Amino acid sequence: MRAVVWVLLAAACFGTTGTAQALGPDVDATALGAARIALGGCTLGVVALVTARGRTVRPDRRAVVLLLLGGAGVLAYQPAFFAGTGANGVAVGTVVALGSAPVLTGVLAWVLSRRRPAARWWVATGCALVGVLVLGLADGADGALSAPGLLASVGAGAAYAVYTLASKGLLERGWSPVTAMGATFGIAGIGGVAVLAGADRDGLASGGGLLTVGWLGLVTVTVAYLFFGAGLALLPAATVATLTLAEPVTATLLGVLVLGERLSAQALLGVTVLAVGIIVLVAGSRRGRDARVPA
């Protein structure tokens, strides 16, 4: 049960991203995303080094491949996500990215391990996807959707699946959650610094910009992925991917409570259905079965 709580705490941290951006200054999204990964990823790397305390990790060839894949997935997620929301709007882009992530994670894990996720996962994921769809489309979509934008959003979901499964692979090879997350995001953080160097950084150095980057980097990346890694060490990757769909619930509640947004009946229905899917997984975890479900 504690592993489920850790993943839900990670999702809650993820869910503050949109509110933090809304409260911060108007800055280039690519620069903000790169700064977020640069600060959060490099900080995670430092945390991993400090907590190692002389313990050495001997990465073999497979571990190196997993590290590179995980770092690439983290870096690829940001531009793909922003491209999708830029083309089709925040609602549709977020729905497709978040909705495709658990499905792609579960299917890819199934292909790699040749073990099908438990029936409970399919039921919970189905409920969660319906909830995300209803929530994201509560206000409807105007005009025709952009096919490249949809592909970008699915690409973001695929990037999430890649770095989740790569991190899970490191954990299964005996790496600690802190070391796995620190190494993966440390690599991504270095890449984020390179992206940031060529991005439009206007406004990032202001007081509000620094506060926004600080929150996004330290809370939605460093703290969030420490929780995420701790949960991922004990739960199947597919289960973790579905549990992180609690992120839009957090984002919606913060939108209402902090930004003064109004929650429509359809949005409330979406939150409720999504919560039902998560409760199905939580109930299964309390019976002690999730840890034995391969993914």
Protein backbone atom coordinates (compact mmCIF):
# COMPACT_ATOMS: atom_id res chain seq x y z
CA MET A 1 0.00 0.00 0.00
CA ARG A 2 2.84 2.42 0.76
CA ALA A 3 4.15 2.02 -2.79
CA VAL A 4 0.76 3.16 -4.11
CA VAL A 5 0.89 6.18 -1.80
CA TRP A 6 4.35 7.08 -3.09
CA VAL A 7 3.18 6.97 -6.71
CA LEU A 8 0.09 9.04 -5.88
CA LEU A 9 2.31 11.60 -4.12
CA ALA A 10 4.46 11.73 -7.26
CA ALA A 11 1.34 12.27 -9.38
CA ALA A 12 0.25 15.06 -7.03
CA CYS A 13 3.61 16.77 -7.57
CA PHE A 14 3.28 16.32 -11.33
CA GLY A 15 -0.18 17.83 -11.16
CA THR A 16 1.12 21.16 -9.87
CA THR A 17 2.99 21.81 -13.12
CA GLY A 18 0.19 23.63 -14.95
CA THR A 19 -0.71 25.81 -11.97
CA ALA A 20 2.94 26.76 -11.44
CA GLN A 21 3.22 27.74 -15.09
CA ALA A 22 0.00 29.74 -14.93
CA LEU A 23 1.13 31.66 -11.85
CA GLY A 24 4.57 32.35 -13.30
CA PRO A 25 5.66 34.82 -15.99
CA ASP A 26 4.99 34.29 -19.69
CA VAL A 27 8.17 32.59 -20.93
CA ASP A 28 9.07 30.32 -23.83
CA ALA A 29 7.67 26.84 -23.16
CA THR A 30 10.72 25.04 -24.59
CA ALA A 31 13.06 27.08 -22.40
CA LEU A 32 10.90 26.48 -19.34
CA GLY A 33 10.75 22.74 -20.00
CA ALA A 34 14.51 22.56 -20.56
CA ALA A 35 15.19 24.57 -17.40
CA ARG A 36 12.87 22.29 -15.45
CA ILE A 37 14.68 19.15 -16.58
CA ALA A 38 18.12 20.75 -16.22
CA LEU A 39 17.54 21.80 -12.61
CA GLY A 40 15.48 18.81 -11.50
CA GLY A 41 17.52 16.22 -13.35
CA CYS A 42 20.92 17.50 -12.24
CA THR A 43 19.65 17.80 -8.65
CA LEU A 44 18.46 14.19 -8.77
CA GLY A 45 21.89 13.20 -10.03
CA VAL A 46 23.55 14.98 -7.12
CA VAL A 47 21.14 13.35 -4.64
CA ALA A 48 22.05 9.95 -6.08
CA LEU A 49 25.77 10.65 -5.70
CA VAL A 50 25.43 11.92 -2.13
CA THR A 51 23.26 9.03 -0.96
CA ALA A 52 25.53 6.44 -2.59
CA ARG A 53 28.03 6.85 0.29
CA GLY A 54 30.80 4.91 -1.31
CA ARG A 55 28.56 2.21 -2.76
CA THR A 56 29.51 1.64 -6.36
CA VAL A 57 27.26 0.63 -9.20
CA ARG A 58 28.82 -1.36 -12.00
CA PRO A 59 26.79 -0.62 -15.10
CA ASP A 60 27.09 -3.40 -17.63
CA ARG A 61 26.28 -2.95 -21.29
CA ARG A 62 22.56 -3.51 -20.79
CA ALA A 63 22.42 -1.02 -17.91
CA VAL A 64 24.16 1.60 -20.05
CA VAL A 65 21.61 1.04 -22.81
CA LEU A 66 18.77 1.39 -20.28
CA LEU A 67 20.29 4.61 -18.93
CA LEU A 68 20.60 6.12 -22.39
CA LEU A 69 17.08 5.05 -23.34
CA GLY A 70 15.67 6.45 -20.09
CA GLY A 71 17.47 9.76 -20.47
CA ALA A 72 16.37 10.04 -24.09
CA GLY A 73 12.77 9.32 -23.07
CA VAL A 74 12.82 12.05 -20.43
CA LEU A 75 14.24 14.58 -22.88
CA ALA A 76 11.87 13.60 -25.70
CA TYR A 77 8.75 13.90 -23.54
CA GLN A 78 8.92 17.68 -23.05
CA PRO A 79 9.02 18.90 -26.69
CA ALA A 80 6.56 16.21 -27.82
CA PHE A 81 4.10 17.17 -25.09
CA PHE A 82 4.33 20.90 -25.82
CA ALA A 83 4.04 20.29 -29.57
CA GLY A 84 0.85 18.30 -29.01
CA THR A 85 -0.76 20.89 -26.75
CA GLY A 86 0.37 23.68 -29.06
CA ALA A 87 -1.29 22.06 -32.07
CA ASN A 88 -4.56 20.86 -30.52
CA GLY A 89 -4.88 22.80 -27.29
CA VAL A 90 -4.01 21.92 -23.71
CA ALA A 91 -7.10 19.77 -23.13
CA VAL A 92 -6.79 17.49 -26.17
CA GLY A 93 -2.99 17.38 -26.10
CA THR A 94 -2.90 16.46 -22.43
CA VAL A 95 -5.67 13.87 -22.82
CA VAL A 96 -3.87 12.07 -25.65
CA ALA A 97 -0.46 12.20 -23.96
CA LEU A 98 -1.62 11.10 -20.50
CA GLY A 99 -4.18 8.69 -21.88
CA SER A 100 -1.78 6.91 -24.22
CA ALA A 101 1.04 6.61 -21.65
CA PRO A 102 -0.37 3.81 -19.44
CA VAL A 103 -1.64 1.84 -22.44
CA LEU A 104 1.70 2.07 -24.24
CA THR A 105 3.56 1.23 -21.03
CA GLY A 106 1.41 -1.82 -20.38
CA VAL A 107 1.54 -3.09 -23.97
CA LEU A 108 5.29 -2.49 -24.31
CA ALA A 109 5.91 -4.25 -20.99
CA TRP A 110 3.74 -7.12 -22.22
CA VAL A 111 5.77 -7.39 -25.44
CA LEU A 112 9.12 -7.25 -23.65
CA SER A 113 8.25 -9.61 -20.78
CA ARG A 114 5.70 -11.76 -22.67
CA ARG A 115 3.51 -11.58 -19.59
CA ARG A 116 0.10 -10.01 -19.86
CA PRO A 117 -0.89 -7.45 -17.18
CA ALA A 118 -3.54 -8.64 -14.72
CA ALA A 119 -7.22 -8.26 -15.56
CA ARG A 120 -7.54 -5.69 -12.77
CA TRP A 121 -5.04 -3.45 -14.59
CA TRP A 122 -7.12 -3.53 -17.79
CA VAL A 123 -10.29 -2.61 -15.87
CA ALA A 124 -8.59 0.16 -13.89
CA THR A 125 -6.81 1.57 -16.94
CA GLY A 126 -10.02 1.53 -18.97
CA CYS A 127 -11.85 3.48 -16.25
CA ALA A 128 -8.97 5.92 -15.91
CA LEU A 129 -8.75 6.52 -19.66
CA VAL A 130 -12.48 7.20 -19.90
CA GLY A 131 -12.16 9.60 -16.97
CA VAL A 132 -9.22 11.44 -18.55
CA LEU A 133 -11.09 11.69 -21.86
CA VAL A 134 -14.26 13.06 -20.25
CA LEU A 135 -12.23 15.45 -18.10
CA GLY A 136 -10.03 16.72 -20.90
CA LEU A 137 -12.88 17.23 -23.35
CA ALA A 138 -15.29 18.74 -20.83
CA ASP A 139 -15.32 22.03 -22.72
CA GLY A 140 -15.33 20.44 -26.16
CA ALA A 141 -12.85 20.87 -29.00
CA ASP A 142 -13.07 23.59 -31.62
CA GLY A 143 -12.26 22.81 -35.21
CA ALA A 144 -10.47 19.86 -36.80
CA LEU A 145 -7.68 18.20 -34.88
CA SER A 146 -4.12 18.31 -36.18
CA ALA A 147 -2.80 14.86 -37.10
CA PRO A 148 0.84 15.87 -36.49
CA GLY A 149 -0.24 17.26 -33.12
CA LEU A 150 -1.94 13.99 -32.21
CA LEU A 151 1.16 12.05 -33.23
CA ALA A 152 3.28 14.36 -31.07
CA SER A 153 1.04 13.71 -28.07
CA VAL A 154 1.20 9.96 -28.62
CA GLY A 155 4.96 10.39 -28.95
CA ALA A 156 4.98 12.00 -25.51
CA GLY A 157 3.08 8.99 -24.15
CA ALA A 158 5.61 6.68 -25.81
CA ALA A 159 8.50 8.66 -24.32
CA TYR A 160 6.92 8.24 -20.89
CA ALA A 161 6.63 4.50 -21.46
CA VAL A 162 10.27 4.27 -22.51
CA TYR A 163 11.73 6.03 -19.49
CA THR A 164 9.39 4.23 -17.09
CA LEU A 165 10.34 0.80 -18.42
CA ALA A 166 14.03 1.73 -18.66
CA SER A 167 14.00 2.81 -15.02
CA LYS A 168 12.13 -0.37 -14.08
CA GLY A 169 14.85 -2.36 -15.88
CA LEU A 170 17.55 -0.70 -13.79
CA LEU A 171 15.62 -1.42 -10.60
CA GLU A 172 15.29 -5.06 -11.58
CA ARG A 173 19.07 -5.19 -12.04
CA GLY A 174 19.57 -4.26 -8.40
CA TRP A 175 19.83 -0.46 -8.67
CA SER A 176 18.27 1.52 -5.84
CA PRO A 177 15.35 3.83 -6.74
CA VAL A 178 17.45 6.93 -5.96
CA THR A 179 20.36 5.72 -8.07
CA ALA A 180 18.15 4.71 -11.00
CA MET A 181 16.20 7.96 -11.02
CA GLY A 182 19.32 10.05 -10.36
CA ALA A 183 21.33 8.50 -13.16
CA THR A 184 18.48 8.61 -15.70
CA PHE A 185 17.45 12.17 -14.93
CA GLY A 186 21.03 13.29 -14.47
CA ILE A 187 21.69 12.35 -18.08
CA ALA A 188 18.49 14.11 -19.13
CA GLY A 189 19.47 17.14 -17.02
CA ILE A 190 22.74 17.52 -18.89
CA GLY A 191 20.78 17.35 -22.14
CA GLY A 192 18.37 19.96 -20.75
CA VAL A 193 21.27 22.34 -20.16
CA ALA A 194 22.28 21.97 -23.81
CA VAL A 195 18.70 22.64 -24.99
CA LEU A 196 18.39 25.63 -22.67
CA ALA A 197 21.55 27.17 -24.07
CA GLY A 198 19.90 27.51 -27.48
CA ALA A 199 16.40 28.45 -26.31
CA ASP A 200 14.73 31.84 -25.79
CA ARG A 201 15.43 32.51 -22.12
CA ASP A 202 13.66 35.88 -21.84
CA GLY A 203 11.89 36.13 -18.49
CA LEU A 204 13.50 33.08 -16.91
CA ALA A 205 15.98 35.20 -14.91
CA SER A 206 13.24 37.36 -13.37
CA GLY A 207 12.12 36.75 -9.79
CA GLY A 208 8.93 35.04 -10.91
CA GLY A 209 10.79 33.05 -13.53
CA LEU A 210 13.32 31.75 -11.01
CA LEU A 211 10.55 30.79 -8.57
CA THR A 212 8.67 28.96 -11.32
CA VAL A 213 11.77 27.09 -12.50
CA GLY A 214 12.66 26.28 -8.89
CA TRP A 215 9.24 24.76 -8.20
CA LEU A 216 9.04 22.91 -11.52
CA GLY A 217 12.57 21.55 -11.21
CA LEU A 218 12.76 20.68 -7.52
CA VAL A 219 9.15 19.68 -6.79
CA THR A 220 7.75 18.32 -10.06
CA VAL A 221 10.99 16.55 -11.01
CA THR A 222 13.37 15.95 -8.09
CA VAL A 223 10.86 15.27 -5.30
CA ALA A 224 8.28 13.75 -7.63
CA TYR A 225 10.66 11.23 -9.15
CA LEU A 226 12.09 10.20 -5.80
CA PHE A 227 8.54 9.19 -4.89
CA PHE A 228 8.02 7.73 -8.37
CA GLY A 229 11.16 5.60 -8.16
CA ALA A 230 10.28 4.31 -4.70
CA GLY A 231 6.86 3.19 -5.96
CA LEU A 232 8.23 1.80 -9.22
CA ALA A 233 10.64 -0.43 -7.27
CA LEU A 234 7.68 -2.29 -5.73
CA LEU A 235 4.92 -2.08 -8.35
CA PRO A 236 4.67 -3.17 -12.00
CA ALA A 237 5.45 -0.41 -14.50
CA ALA A 238 1.96 -0.70 -16.02
CA THR A 239 0.33 -0.21 -12.62
CA VAL A 240 2.52 2.83 -11.89
CA ALA A 241 1.64 4.36 -15.26
CA THR A 242 -2.07 4.06 -14.50
CA LEU A 243 -1.74 5.43 -10.96
CA THR A 244 0.01 8.55 -12.26
CA LEU A 245 -3.23 9.42 -14.03
CA ALA A 246 -4.05 10.99 -10.67
CA GLU A 247 -2.07 13.92 -12.08
CA PRO A 248 -5.01 15.47 -14.00
CA VAL A 249 -7.17 15.13 -10.88
CA THR A 250 -4.63 17.21 -8.94
CA ALA A 251 -4.34 19.68 -11.79
CA THR A 252 -8.12 20.07 -11.99
CA LEU A 253 -8.52 20.60 -8.25
CA LEU A 254 -5.73 23.18 -8.20
CA GLY A 255 -7.32 24.93 -11.14
CA VAL A 256 -10.53 25.28 -9.14
CA LEU A 257 -9.02 26.09 -5.74
CA VAL A 258 -6.04 28.23 -6.75
CA LEU A 259 -6.79 29.63 -10.20
CA GLY A 260 -10.52 30.12 -9.64
CA GLU A 261 -11.57 27.93 -12.55
CA ARG A 262 -15.09 26.50 -12.54
CA LEU A 263 -15.60 22.74 -12.67
CA SER A 264 -18.37 21.73 -15.04
CA ALA A 265 -20.61 18.74 -14.44
CA GLN A 266 -18.82 16.86 -17.21
CA ALA A 267 -15.42 17.62 -15.69
CA LEU A 268 -16.66 16.44 -12.31
CA LEU A 269 -17.87 13.23 -13.93
CA GLY A 270 -14.45 12.73 -15.51
CA VAL A 271 -12.68 13.17 -12.17
CA THR A 272 -15.05 10.69 -10.56
CA VAL A 273 -14.59 8.01 -13.21
CA LEU A 274 -10.83 8.49 -13.17
CA ALA A 275 -10.82 8.16 -9.38
CA VAL A 276 -12.77 4.89 -9.66
CA GLY A 277 -10.03 3.45 -11.88
CA ILE A 278 -7.36 4.43 -9.37
CA ILE A 279 -9.38 3.00 -6.48
CA VAL A 280 -9.56 -0.35 -8.31
CA LEU A 281 -5.76 -0.48 -8.36
CA VAL A 282 -5.44 0.70 -4.77
CA ALA A 283 -7.89 -1.96 -3.60
CA GLY A 284 -5.92 -4.62 -5.44
CA SER A 285 -2.69 -3.38 -3.90
CA ARG A 286 -4.14 -3.62 -0.41
CA ARG A 287 -4.77 -7.29 -1.05
CA GLY A 288 -1.04 -7.63 -1.71
CA ARG A 289 -1.31 -8.79 -5.30
CA ASP A 290 0.27 -5.96 -7.31
CA ALA A 291 3.80 -6.75 -6.26
CA ARG A 292 3.43 -10.18 -7.85
CA VAL A 293 1.98 -9.00 -11.14
CA PRO A 294 4.82 -8.89 -13.69
CA ALA A 295 5.03 -6.02 -16.12
